Amino acid sequence: MTDDAFPDHEYLTVKELAVLLRLKDRKVYDLAASGAVPCSRATGKLLFPATEIREWIERAKSGGDWLTTKGSVTRPPILLGSHDPLLDWAIRQSGCGLATYYDGSLDGLDRFVRGDGVAAGVHIHDAKSGDWNVPAVSRAARGLNAVLVSFAIRRRGLVFRSGEPAPSKLSDLVGRRIVPRQPGSGTDTLFRQLAAQEGLDMSALDFADVARTEDGAVEAVRRGEADAAFGIEAGAHSYGLEFLPLIEEQFALLVDRKAWFEPQVRKLISFCGTEPFLARARTYGGYDVQDLGAVVWNS
């Protein structure tokens, strides 16, 4: 195979890679889900970086294999994915030693598949089935040595300042300045789904700067940079703001099965069973953690 077979752009589509490798589209999806081939889901669909694909093919020519190479790499002790205030507090308070990189559920899922961390926090709603997390995780992480466990049920809704006219539904946000979350985050995905159900035209909304964490979104409201955010109850309480509940969501952790039994993850999970953790969850409000640690899905 020569370089002439490569399209002259930075990313390949599923069909382009299938043609390049002389495989069916379904096989390309399977390779991406198992982490056997470098890919990105930054736009919500699978894209394959041409430079890394070239390197992957060269390794295969020389007797190497991307999946074998990837499987032998030790995952760094980083928790990826969606930000949660209670989880973030528990990581610090437990002294487990995990670092964090929060940039949304889909980003975390993508990075986890690439081996960039030992776990990822996700809250991804599947509009078609109505299920949480499992549809997306089972597609992306199938074939990986991973497990999805429950962390908490969270109440999510509209966060706004005291003294402001209280909204009763998403369409009441028209004419108000809203804090958006980054594309690919579970919050942005869910907001758009609920807005579509109400027939709310997103172009009718006035958006402030993007907030990349739960705390960042509600803090922007507290500072007066926006009138409302689609946030969680715990964030509203922490910043002295009002809260209108709209939906309960399932926040879960996708964890590398090997890392699950190693000291850093075990220390975090053990701490989450202590009274200080449970007391903190009650103080925050909007959390149900009774099923924390329960297995939701196995690869």
Protein backbone atom coordinates (compact mmCIF):
# COMPACT_ATOMS: atom_id res chain seq x y z
CA MET A 1 0.00 0.00 0.00
CA THR A 2 1.45 3.39 -0.96
CA ASP A 3 0.91 6.86 0.45
CA ASP A 4 -1.06 7.62 -2.69
CA ALA A 5 -3.87 5.50 -1.23
CA PHE A 6 -4.35 8.05 1.56
CA PRO A 7 -6.88 10.87 1.11
CA ASP A 8 -5.16 14.27 1.18
CA HIS A 9 -6.82 15.50 4.37
CA GLU A 10 -5.97 15.26 8.05
CA TYR A 11 -8.73 12.85 9.13
CA LEU A 12 -10.23 9.77 7.47
CA THR A 13 -13.86 8.75 7.70
CA VAL A 14 -15.01 5.22 8.48
CA LYS A 15 -15.65 4.55 4.78
CA GLU A 16 -12.28 5.94 3.73
CA LEU A 17 -10.43 3.80 6.26
CA ALA A 18 -12.46 0.73 5.29
CA VAL A 19 -11.48 1.23 1.64
CA LEU A 20 -7.86 1.83 2.62
CA LEU A 21 -7.67 -1.37 4.69
CA ARG A 22 -9.97 -3.35 2.38
CA LEU A 23 -12.33 -4.09 5.26
CA LYS A 24 -16.06 -3.78 5.79
CA ASP A 25 -17.31 -0.67 7.64
CA ARG A 26 -18.46 -2.84 10.55
CA LYS A 27 -14.90 -4.13 11.09
CA VAL A 28 -13.61 -0.56 11.25
CA TYR A 29 -16.19 0.23 13.94
CA ASP A 30 -15.06 -2.86 15.87
CA LEU A 31 -11.40 -1.82 15.62
CA ALA A 32 -12.25 1.66 16.91
CA ALA A 33 -14.39 0.34 19.78
CA SER A 34 -11.64 -2.03 20.94
CA GLY A 35 -8.95 0.67 20.78
CA ALA A 36 -7.11 -1.27 18.09
CA VAL A 37 -6.93 1.71 15.76
CA PRO A 38 -6.31 5.41 16.62
CA CYS A 39 -9.47 7.47 16.34
CA SER A 40 -11.27 10.57 17.60
CA ARG A 41 -14.91 11.26 18.49
CA ALA A 42 -14.46 15.01 18.95
CA THR A 43 -17.19 15.86 16.47
CA GLY A 44 -19.62 13.19 17.65
CA LYS A 45 -18.63 10.79 14.86
CA LEU A 46 -15.60 8.59 14.30
CA LEU A 47 -12.63 10.22 12.58
CA PHE A 48 -9.20 8.66 12.10
CA PRO A 49 -6.04 10.86 12.14
CA ALA A 50 -4.20 10.12 8.89
CA THR A 51 -0.72 10.53 10.39
CA GLU A 52 -1.39 7.99 13.15
CA ILE A 53 -3.03 5.61 10.69
CA ARG A 54 0.13 5.72 8.57
CA GLU A 55 2.24 4.88 11.66
CA TRP A 56 -0.16 2.10 12.63
CA ILE A 57 0.12 0.52 9.18
CA GLU A 58 3.93 0.78 9.27
CA ARG A 59 4.02 -0.99 12.64
CA ALA A 60 1.87 -3.75 11.20
CA LYS A 61 4.24 -4.08 8.23
CA SER A 62 7.20 -4.51 10.58
CA GLY A 63 5.46 -7.18 12.62
CA GLY A 64 4.02 -4.88 15.26
CA ASP A 65 0.37 -4.50 16.19
CA TRP A 66 -1.48 -1.43 17.51
CA LEU A 67 -3.72 -3.42 19.84
CA THR A 68 -0.81 -5.34 21.33
CA THR A 69 1.21 -2.18 21.73
CA LYS A 70 -1.70 -0.29 23.29
CA GLY A 71 -2.55 -3.13 25.64
CA SER A 72 1.01 -3.19 26.98
CA VAL A 73 1.02 0.51 27.86
CA THR A 74 0.41 1.29 31.51
CA ARG A 75 -2.52 3.67 31.89
CA PRO A 76 -1.59 6.88 33.71
CA PRO A 77 -3.37 7.44 37.08
CA ILE A 78 -5.79 10.03 35.67
CA LEU A 79 -9.56 10.25 36.02
CA LEU A 80 -11.05 11.59 32.80
CA GLY A 81 -14.46 12.65 31.57
CA SER A 82 -17.21 14.65 33.19
CA HIS A 83 -16.74 16.81 36.25
CA ASP A 84 -18.72 16.02 39.40
CA PRO A 85 -18.26 18.11 42.57
CA LEU A 86 -18.74 15.19 44.96
CA LEU A 87 -16.36 12.93 43.07
CA ASP A 88 -13.80 15.72 42.77
CA TRP A 89 -14.01 16.30 46.54
CA ALA A 90 -13.65 12.56 47.25
CA ILE A 91 -10.53 12.30 45.09
CA ARG A 92 -8.86 15.08 47.07
CA GLN A 93 -10.15 14.06 50.49
CA SER A 94 -9.29 10.38 50.12
CA GLY A 95 -5.68 11.12 49.21
CA CYS A 96 -5.91 8.43 46.55
CA GLY A 97 -3.36 10.15 44.31
CA LEU A 98 -5.43 10.21 41.14
CA ALA A 99 -5.01 13.22 38.89
CA THR A 100 -8.01 14.58 36.97
CA TYR A 101 -8.68 15.86 33.47
CA TYR A 102 -12.27 16.99 33.00
CA ASP A 103 -13.54 17.90 29.55
CA GLY A 104 -16.90 16.19 29.20
CA SER A 105 -18.27 12.66 28.99
CA LEU A 106 -17.57 11.96 25.31
CA ASP A 107 -14.07 13.40 25.51
CA GLY A 108 -13.40 11.24 28.56
CA LEU A 109 -14.78 8.15 26.85
CA ASP A 110 -12.62 8.81 23.80
CA ARG A 111 -9.51 9.34 25.92
CA PHE A 112 -10.24 6.24 28.01
CA VAL A 113 -10.45 4.11 24.86
CA ARG A 114 -7.06 5.52 23.81
CA GLY A 115 -5.57 4.54 27.18
CA ASP A 116 -5.10 8.08 28.50
CA GLY A 117 -6.43 7.33 32.00
CA VAL A 118 -7.60 4.63 34.41
CA ALA A 119 -11.22 5.81 34.61
CA ALA A 120 -13.74 8.21 33.11
CA GLY A 121 -16.83 9.83 34.62
CA VAL A 122 -19.80 9.74 32.24
CA HIS A 123 -23.46 10.78 32.14
CA ILE A 124 -24.53 10.14 28.57
CA HIS A 125 -28.24 9.90 27.81
CA ASP A 126 -29.31 7.84 24.81
CA ALA A 127 -32.34 9.59 23.33
CA LYS A 128 -33.44 6.55 21.33
CA SER A 129 -33.58 4.03 24.19
CA GLY A 130 -33.90 6.42 27.13
CA ASP A 131 -31.02 4.59 28.85
CA TRP A 132 -28.00 6.16 30.49
CA ASN A 133 -24.35 5.47 29.69
CA VAL A 134 -24.53 1.80 28.68
CA PRO A 135 -25.42 2.36 24.99
CA ALA A 136 -22.53 4.79 24.44
CA VAL A 137 -20.03 2.90 26.60
CA SER A 138 -20.83 -0.50 25.13
CA ARG A 139 -20.25 0.85 21.63
CA ALA A 140 -17.00 2.64 22.43
CA ALA A 141 -15.39 0.35 25.01
CA ARG A 142 -16.44 -3.05 23.73
CA GLY A 143 -13.47 -5.40 23.83
CA LEU A 144 -11.58 -3.36 26.41
CA ASN A 145 -10.82 -4.78 29.83
CA ALA A 146 -13.19 -2.36 31.55
CA VAL A 147 -16.21 -2.15 33.84
CA LEU A 148 -18.88 0.53 34.25
CA VAL A 149 -19.95 1.14 37.85
CA SER A 150 -22.56 3.43 39.34
CA PHE A 151 -21.43 6.54 41.19
CA ALA A 152 -24.63 8.51 41.84
CA ILE A 153 -28.05 9.55 40.66
CA ARG A 154 -28.00 13.36 40.36
CA ARG A 155 -30.80 15.90 40.07
CA ARG A 156 -30.23 18.28 37.18
CA GLY A 157 -32.19 21.36 36.24
CA LEU A 158 -32.02 25.14 36.00
CA VAL A 159 -29.78 27.14 38.33
CA PHE A 160 -30.59 30.84 38.77
CA ARG A 161 -30.13 33.68 41.25
CA SER A 162 -32.51 34.52 44.08
CA GLY A 163 -34.78 37.44 43.25
CA GLU A 164 -34.88 36.57 39.56
CA PRO A 165 -38.18 35.43 37.98
CA ALA A 166 -38.28 31.67 38.56
CA PRO A 167 -38.36 29.58 35.36
CA SER A 168 -40.68 26.57 35.21
CA LYS A 169 -39.36 24.98 32.00
CA LEU A 170 -36.53 25.27 29.49
CA SER A 171 -38.49 27.51 27.13
CA ASP A 172 -38.59 30.14 29.91
CA LEU A 173 -34.89 30.69 29.15
CA VAL A 174 -35.71 32.66 26.00
CA GLY A 175 -34.62 36.23 26.63
CA ARG A 176 -32.17 35.22 29.38
CA ARG A 177 -28.43 34.72 29.16
CA ILE A 178 -27.47 31.05 29.56
CA VAL A 179 -24.17 29.36 30.45
CA PRO A 180 -23.49 26.69 27.79
CA ARG A 181 -21.34 23.60 28.28
CA GLN A 182 -18.80 22.32 25.78
CA PRO A 183 -19.99 20.25 22.79
CA GLY A 184 -19.55 16.56 23.53
CA SER A 185 -20.31 16.95 27.23
CA GLY A 186 -23.14 14.93 28.70
CA THR A 187 -24.76 18.15 29.89
CA ASP A 188 -24.78 19.81 26.46
CA THR A 189 -26.13 16.62 24.85
CA LEU A 190 -28.94 16.32 27.40
CA PHE A 191 -29.81 20.03 27.22
CA ARG A 192 -30.25 19.78 23.46
CA GLN A 193 -32.38 16.65 23.78
CA LEU A 194 -34.71 18.28 26.32
CA ALA A 195 -34.86 21.49 24.31
CA ALA A 196 -35.91 19.51 21.23
CA GLN A 197 -38.64 17.79 23.23
CA GLU A 198 -40.03 21.20 24.20
CA GLY A 199 -39.68 22.52 20.67
CA LEU A 200 -37.21 25.14 21.91
CA ASP A 201 -35.17 26.71 19.11
CA MET A 202 -31.55 26.86 20.32
CA SER A 203 -30.90 29.89 18.11
CA ALA A 204 -33.40 31.82 20.22
CA LEU A 205 -31.16 31.56 23.28
CA ASP A 206 -28.46 34.03 24.34
CA PHE A 207 -25.33 32.15 25.39
CA ALA A 208 -22.48 33.32 27.62
CA ASP A 209 -18.97 31.85 27.48
CA VAL A 210 -18.66 28.06 27.65
CA ALA A 211 -18.12 26.55 31.11
CA ARG A 212 -16.24 23.26 31.15
CA THR A 213 -17.19 22.08 34.66
CA GLU A 214 -20.29 22.01 36.86
CA ASP A 215 -18.71 24.50 39.25
CA GLY A 216 -17.71 26.81 36.41
CA ALA A 217 -21.28 26.93 35.09
CA VAL A 218 -22.95 27.86 38.38
CA GLU A 219 -20.17 30.23 39.37
CA ALA A 220 -20.80 32.21 36.18
CA VAL A 221 -24.42 32.62 37.29
CA ARG A 222 -23.38 33.68 40.78
CA ARG A 223 -21.02 36.31 39.35
CA GLY A 224 -23.80 37.72 37.19
CA GLU A 225 -22.19 36.74 33.88
CA ALA A 226 -25.35 34.81 33.00
CA ASP A 227 -28.92 34.47 34.25
CA ALA A 228 -29.13 30.67 34.36
CA ALA A 229 -27.27 27.40 33.83
CA PHE A 230 -28.36 23.83 33.17
CA GLY A 231 -26.65 22.50 36.26
CA ILE A 232 -26.95 20.07 39.14
CA GLU A 233 -28.62 20.72 42.49
CA ALA A 234 -25.36 20.27 44.38
CA GLY A 235 -23.80 23.14 42.45
CA ALA A 236 -26.75 25.44 43.12
CA HIS A 237 -26.60 24.77 46.85
CA SER A 238 -22.83 25.24 47.02
CA TYR A 239 -23.05 28.71 45.47
CA GLY A 240 -26.21 29.87 47.24
CA LEU A 241 -28.37 29.80 44.11
CA GLU A 242 -31.91 28.71 43.35
CA PHE A 243 -32.67 25.41 41.62
CA LEU A 244 -35.51 24.05 39.50
CA PRO A 245 -35.26 20.23 39.13
CA LEU A 246 -35.98 18.89 35.64
CA ILE A 247 -34.48 15.40 35.42
CA GLU A 248 -32.56 12.74 37.32
CA GLU A 249 -29.43 11.48 35.60
CA GLN A 250 -27.10 8.56 36.17
CA PHE A 251 -23.45 9.45 36.69
CA ALA A 252 -21.16 6.43 36.35
CA LEU A 253 -17.46 5.56 36.25
CA LEU A 254 -15.89 3.57 33.44
CA VAL A 255 -12.86 1.93 35.04
CA ASP A 256 -10.03 -0.17 33.68
CA ARG A 257 -10.54 -3.57 35.29
CA LYS A 258 -6.87 -3.95 36.21
CA ALA A 259 -6.82 -0.47 37.78
CA TRP A 260 -9.98 -1.29 39.77
CA PHE A 261 -7.89 -3.60 41.97
CA GLU A 262 -4.92 -1.29 42.31
CA PRO A 263 -4.30 0.96 45.36
CA GLN A 264 -5.32 4.35 43.95
CA VAL A 265 -8.76 3.33 42.70
CA ARG A 266 -9.36 1.03 45.68
CA LYS A 267 -8.55 3.88 48.08
CA LEU A 268 -11.03 6.18 46.34
CA ILE A 269 -13.84 3.61 46.22
CA SER A 270 -13.25 2.59 49.84
CA PHE A 271 -13.44 6.22 50.94
CA CYS A 272 -16.77 6.56 49.13
CA GLY A 273 -18.23 4.05 51.56
CA THR A 274 -17.32 6.07 54.66
CA GLU A 275 -19.57 8.27 56.75
CA PRO A 276 -17.67 11.49 55.86
CA PHE A 277 -18.38 10.83 52.19
CA LEU A 278 -22.05 10.05 52.82
CA ALA A 279 -22.37 13.15 54.99
CA ARG A 280 -20.85 15.27 52.25
CA ALA A 281 -23.31 13.85 49.71
CA ARG A 282 -26.21 14.80 52.02
CA THR A 283 -24.79 18.30 52.55
CA TYR A 284 -24.44 18.91 48.83
CA GLY A 285 -27.97 17.73 48.14
CA GLY A 286 -29.31 16.27 44.90
CA TYR A 287 -27.34 13.02 45.16
CA ASP A 288 -28.46 9.42 45.63
CA VAL A 289 -25.35 7.30 46.22
CA GLN A 290 -26.93 4.13 47.60
CA ASP A 291 -25.83 2.06 44.58
CA LEU A 292 -22.29 3.44 44.42
CA GLY A 293 -19.93 0.75 43.13
CA ALA A 294 -22.67 -1.46 41.65
CA VAL A 295 -21.67 -2.91 38.29
CA VAL A 296 -23.74 -1.49 35.45
CA TRP A 297 -21.90 -3.03 32.50
CA ASN A 298 -18.95 -5.33 31.83
CA SER A 299 -16.95 -5.41 28.61
